[in-house]
Amino acid sequence: MDEPAIRWRRRKADRPAEIIDAALDCFAERGFAATRMDDVAARAGVTKGTVYLYFKTKEDLFKALVRSQLLPNLEHVEAEAARGGSASALLERLVSDWAEHVVPSRVAVLPKLMIAEAGNFPDLAKFYLDEVVHRALGLIRRILLAGIEAGEFRPVDADHTAYLVVAPLLLSVLWKHSFEPHDDRPLDASALCRAHLDSLLASLRPPAGDPPRRASARKSKKVR
C-alpha cells in the first residue's frame, strides 16, 4: 500500500477526536446552546456532513466529549481504588489528580458549561449527573466508608461528606472560568486543593487515643 493511502487512513481514524477537540473549543467560547454543528465543522476543518457521519446530534457530540476528555481522570482513581490501599492516599490521589490534570486543562470548563445549560437541556443534565457527578460521589462515598471500616477515619455521614469533598474542587474550576479573568488576585487552584486536602484529612482523622473500630482496622481495605 502506498504512503498517501496510509496517511489517509490514519487521518480518517483521527477525525472523531479532532471533531471532539473542536467541539470543546466551540462549547467553551459560545456555550452549548449557541454552538452549531457548522461551527464545530469549521473549527475542525471538515464539512458539516462529516461531523454528522460520526455524531448524529450535538448532544451525542457533547456526550462523546465528556466520556473521552473528562471520565478518564475519574477512571484513573477508580482503578487505584480497586487495587486497595489507604483511604487517605486515595483521597489525596483524587484531589491531586484534579489539581494537576483537570484544573489546568481545557476540560475544566465543562462543569461550568453544564451548570449553565442544565435548565435548558434536562436530558443532558441527567446524562452528566449519571456519568460524572453520581459516579464521582459514589467513588468518594466508598472510599470514606472503607476508611471508616478500617479505623482510618472517624465515623461520618459518608453520603453528605462526599459532597463536601467535591465542593472546593468544583469551586476551583467555576472560579477559573468566571471570575478569574476579572480578578486582580487570581485564585491559586493548586494551593486551594492542598489546603482542602489538609483540612479534609484532619477532620476525618479519629481523635487521638481512640481504639480502632474493629480488628480489621490495621489492614488496608479494598474499595468496591
Protein backbone atom coordinates (compact mmCIF):
# COMPACT_ATOMS: atom_id res chain seq x y z
CA MET A 1 0.00 0.00 0.00
CA ASP A 2 1.45 3.38 -0.97
CA GLU A 3 2.29 6.11 1.55
CA PRO A 4 -0.58 8.53 0.64
CA ALA A 5 -3.16 5.80 1.29
CA ILE A 6 -1.61 5.05 4.69
CA ARG A 7 -1.71 8.74 5.63
CA TRP A 8 -5.35 9.00 4.53
CA ARG A 9 -6.37 6.01 6.65
CA ARG A 10 -4.60 7.47 9.69
CA ARG A 11 -6.19 10.88 9.09
CA LYS A 12 -9.67 9.34 8.88
CA ALA A 13 -9.14 7.40 12.12
CA ASP A 14 -8.13 10.61 13.90
CA ARG A 15 -11.13 12.57 12.68
CA PRO A 16 -13.60 11.88 15.56
CA ALA A 17 -11.02 13.02 18.11
CA GLU A 18 -10.34 16.17 16.10
CA ILE A 19 -14.08 16.93 15.90
CA ILE A 20 -14.41 16.43 19.67
CA ASP A 21 -11.45 18.73 20.23
CA ALA A 22 -13.03 21.39 18.02
CA ALA A 23 -16.36 20.99 19.82
CA LEU A 24 -14.69 21.64 23.17
CA ASP A 25 -13.33 24.94 21.85
CA CYS A 26 -16.71 25.95 20.45
CA PHE A 27 -18.66 24.99 23.58
CA ALA A 28 -16.16 26.88 25.76
CA GLU A 29 -16.42 30.01 23.63
CA ARG A 30 -20.14 30.05 22.79
CA GLY A 31 -21.87 27.73 25.25
CA PHE A 32 -23.73 24.59 24.27
CA ALA A 33 -26.97 26.21 23.10
CA ALA A 34 -25.30 28.78 20.85
CA THR A 35 -22.89 26.35 19.22
CA ARG A 36 -23.99 24.96 15.85
CA MET A 37 -22.65 21.87 14.17
CA ASP A 38 -21.49 24.22 11.38
CA ASP A 39 -19.27 25.98 13.95
CA VAL A 40 -17.74 22.69 15.03
CA ALA A 41 -17.18 21.61 11.42
CA ALA A 42 -15.48 24.88 10.55
CA ARG A 43 -13.23 24.69 13.62
CA ALA A 44 -12.31 21.07 12.80
CA GLY A 45 -11.71 21.87 9.13
CA VAL A 46 -14.30 19.40 7.84
CA THR A 47 -17.76 19.59 6.31
CA LYS A 48 -20.90 19.51 8.44
CA GLY A 49 -21.77 16.21 6.78
CA THR A 50 -18.53 14.75 8.10
CA VAL A 51 -19.45 15.77 11.65
CA TYR A 52 -22.86 14.11 11.29
CA LEU A 53 -21.14 10.98 9.94
CA TYR A 54 -19.64 10.43 13.40
CA PHE A 55 -22.13 12.22 15.69
CA LYS A 56 -25.85 12.17 14.91
CA THR A 57 -26.69 15.13 17.19
CA LYS A 58 -24.97 17.90 19.08
CA GLU A 59 -25.95 16.10 22.29
CA ASP A 60 -24.15 12.95 21.09
CA LEU A 61 -21.09 15.05 20.39
CA PHE A 62 -21.17 16.55 23.90
CA LYS A 63 -21.53 13.10 25.46
CA ALA A 64 -18.55 11.83 23.49
CA LEU A 65 -16.58 14.84 24.68
CA VAL A 66 -17.37 14.12 28.34
CA ARG A 67 -16.59 10.42 28.01
CA SER A 68 -13.30 10.92 26.20
CA GLN A 69 -11.95 14.01 27.93
CA LEU A 70 -13.33 14.07 31.49
CA LEU A 71 -14.07 10.49 32.55
CA PRO A 72 -10.51 9.14 32.14
CA ASN A 73 -9.43 11.18 35.18
CA LEU A 74 -12.18 9.56 37.25
CA GLU A 75 -11.40 6.12 35.87
CA HIS A 76 -7.78 6.55 36.96
CA VAL A 77 -8.81 6.99 40.61
CA GLU A 78 -11.35 4.15 40.33
CA ALA A 79 -8.53 1.87 39.17
CA GLU A 80 -6.40 2.94 42.13
CA ALA A 81 -9.31 2.27 44.50
CA ALA A 82 -9.87 -1.19 43.01
CA ARG A 83 -6.30 -2.12 43.93
CA GLY A 84 -7.00 -1.25 47.57
CA GLY A 85 -4.78 0.67 49.96
CA SER A 86 -5.05 3.60 52.31
CA ALA A 87 -8.29 5.61 52.09
CA SER A 88 -6.30 8.76 52.89
CA ALA A 89 -3.96 8.05 49.98
CA LEU A 90 -6.92 7.53 47.66
CA LEU A 91 -8.46 10.88 48.64
CA GLU A 92 -5.06 12.51 48.19
CA ARG A 93 -4.78 10.99 44.71
CA LEU A 94 -8.27 12.15 43.78
CA VAL A 95 -7.64 15.75 44.89
CA SER A 96 -4.13 15.82 43.41
CA ASP A 97 -5.30 14.49 40.05
CA TRP A 98 -7.96 17.20 39.96
CA ALA A 99 -5.43 19.95 40.73
CA GLU A 100 -2.75 18.64 38.36
CA HIS A 101 -4.75 17.31 35.42
CA VAL A 102 -8.26 18.80 35.39
CA VAL A 103 -7.93 22.41 36.58
CA PRO A 104 -5.13 23.37 34.13
CA SER A 105 -6.78 21.58 31.21
CA ARG A 106 -9.32 22.77 28.66
CA VAL A 107 -11.92 20.33 30.02
CA ALA A 108 -12.09 22.36 33.24
CA VAL A 109 -14.77 24.46 31.52
CA LEU A 110 -17.21 21.53 31.35
CA PRO A 111 -18.66 21.78 34.90
CA LYS A 112 -19.43 25.49 34.43
CA LEU A 113 -20.87 24.81 30.98
CA MET A 114 -23.09 22.03 32.29
CA ILE A 115 -24.38 24.08 35.24
CA ALA A 116 -25.19 26.96 32.89
CA GLU A 117 -27.03 24.75 30.38
CA ALA A 118 -28.74 22.25 32.73
CA GLY A 119 -32.05 24.10 32.86
CA ASN A 120 -32.40 24.21 29.09
CA PHE A 121 -31.14 20.69 28.40
CA PRO A 122 -32.53 18.39 31.12
CA ASP A 123 -31.60 15.19 29.27
CA LEU A 124 -28.00 16.36 29.00
CA ALA A 125 -28.03 17.34 32.69
CA LYS A 126 -29.26 13.84 33.59
CA PHE A 127 -26.51 12.31 31.47
CA TYR A 128 -23.86 14.43 33.22
CA LEU A 129 -25.27 13.57 36.65
CA ASP A 130 -25.22 9.85 35.92
CA GLU A 131 -21.91 9.65 34.07
CA VAL A 132 -19.84 12.12 36.09
CA VAL A 133 -21.41 13.52 39.27
CA HIS A 134 -23.11 10.44 40.74
CA ARG A 135 -20.19 8.25 39.71
CA ALA A 136 -17.67 10.53 41.42
CA LEU A 137 -19.80 10.88 44.55
CA GLY A 138 -20.24 7.11 44.69
CA LEU A 139 -16.49 6.57 44.46
CA ILE A 140 -15.81 9.08 47.23
CA ARG A 141 -18.52 7.56 49.41
CA ARG A 142 -16.94 4.11 49.02
CA ILE A 143 -13.52 5.48 49.93
CA LEU A 144 -14.93 7.16 53.03
CA LEU A 145 -16.77 4.01 54.14
CA ALA A 146 -13.65 1.90 53.62
CA GLY A 147 -11.64 4.36 55.69
CA ILE A 148 -14.24 4.25 58.47
CA GLU A 149 -14.37 0.46 58.39
CA ALA A 150 -10.57 0.28 58.64
CA GLY A 151 -10.46 2.72 61.55
CA GLU A 152 -8.53 5.20 59.41
CA PHE A 153 -11.39 7.73 59.52
CA ARG A 154 -13.80 8.57 62.29
CA PRO A 155 -17.47 7.74 61.63
CA VAL A 156 -19.07 10.40 59.44
CA ASP A 157 -22.13 10.75 57.21
CA ALA A 158 -20.43 9.42 54.08
CA ASP A 159 -23.23 10.44 51.72
CA HIS A 160 -23.04 14.12 52.58
CA THR A 161 -19.33 14.24 53.35
CA ALA A 162 -18.80 13.16 49.74
CA TYR A 163 -20.39 16.45 48.65
CA LEU A 164 -18.02 18.32 50.97
CA VAL A 165 -15.07 16.60 49.29
CA VAL A 166 -16.26 17.72 45.87
CA ALA A 167 -17.33 21.30 46.72
CA PRO A 168 -13.89 23.03 46.76
CA LEU A 169 -12.83 21.12 43.65
CA LEU A 170 -15.88 22.37 41.81
CA LEU A 171 -15.24 25.91 43.10
CA SER A 172 -11.74 25.85 41.63
CA VAL A 173 -12.95 25.37 38.05
CA LEU A 174 -16.04 27.56 38.37
CA TRP A 175 -13.85 30.41 39.63
CA LYS A 176 -11.31 29.87 36.87
CA HIS A 177 -13.94 30.19 34.15
CA SER A 178 -15.98 33.01 35.65
CA PHE A 179 -14.21 35.44 37.99
CA GLU A 180 -10.53 34.73 37.35
CA PRO A 181 -10.28 36.89 34.19
CA HIS A 182 -11.53 39.86 36.22
CA ASP A 183 -9.72 39.17 39.49
CA ASP A 184 -6.55 41.07 40.32
CA ARG A 185 -5.75 38.37 42.90
CA PRO A 186 -6.22 35.14 40.94
CA LEU A 187 -7.12 32.03 42.86
CA ASP A 188 -4.26 29.54 43.17
CA ALA A 189 -6.22 26.37 42.47
CA SER A 190 -3.34 24.08 43.42
CA ALA A 191 -2.95 25.82 46.79
CA LEU A 192 -6.71 25.62 47.33
CA CYS A 193 -6.68 21.87 46.67
CA ARG A 194 -3.73 21.35 49.04
CA ALA A 195 -5.45 23.34 51.79
CA HIS A 196 -8.67 21.43 51.18
CA LEU A 197 -6.89 18.09 51.44
CA ASP A 198 -5.12 19.10 54.68
CA SER A 199 -8.41 20.22 56.27
CA LEU A 200 -10.30 17.20 54.97
CA LEU A 201 -7.86 14.61 56.29
CA ALA A 202 -7.53 16.41 59.64
CA SER A 203 -11.31 16.45 60.05
CA LEU A 204 -11.61 12.74 59.20
CA ARG A 205 -8.81 11.57 61.48
CA PRO A 206 -10.06 9.74 64.61
CA PRO A 207 -9.39 11.52 67.91
CA ALA A 208 -6.03 10.62 69.46
CA GLY A 209 -6.27 7.60 71.71
CA ASP A 210 -9.48 6.25 70.18
CA PRO A 211 -9.25 2.46 69.71
CA PRO A 212 -9.78 1.00 66.23
CA ARG A 213 -13.42 0.21 65.49
CA ARG A 214 -12.53 -3.42 64.76
CA ALA A 215 -9.56 -5.72 64.27
CA SER A 216 -9.50 -5.12 60.51
CA ALA A 217 -8.54 -1.51 61.17
CA ARG A 218 -4.87 -2.36 60.70
CA LYS A 219 -5.47 -3.84 57.26
CA SER A 220 -5.91 -1.99 54.00
CA LYS A 221 -9.48 -2.18 52.70
CA LYS A 222 -10.24 -2.63 49.02
CA VAL A 223 -12.80 -0.14 47.72
CA ARG A 224 -15.50 -1.82 45.65
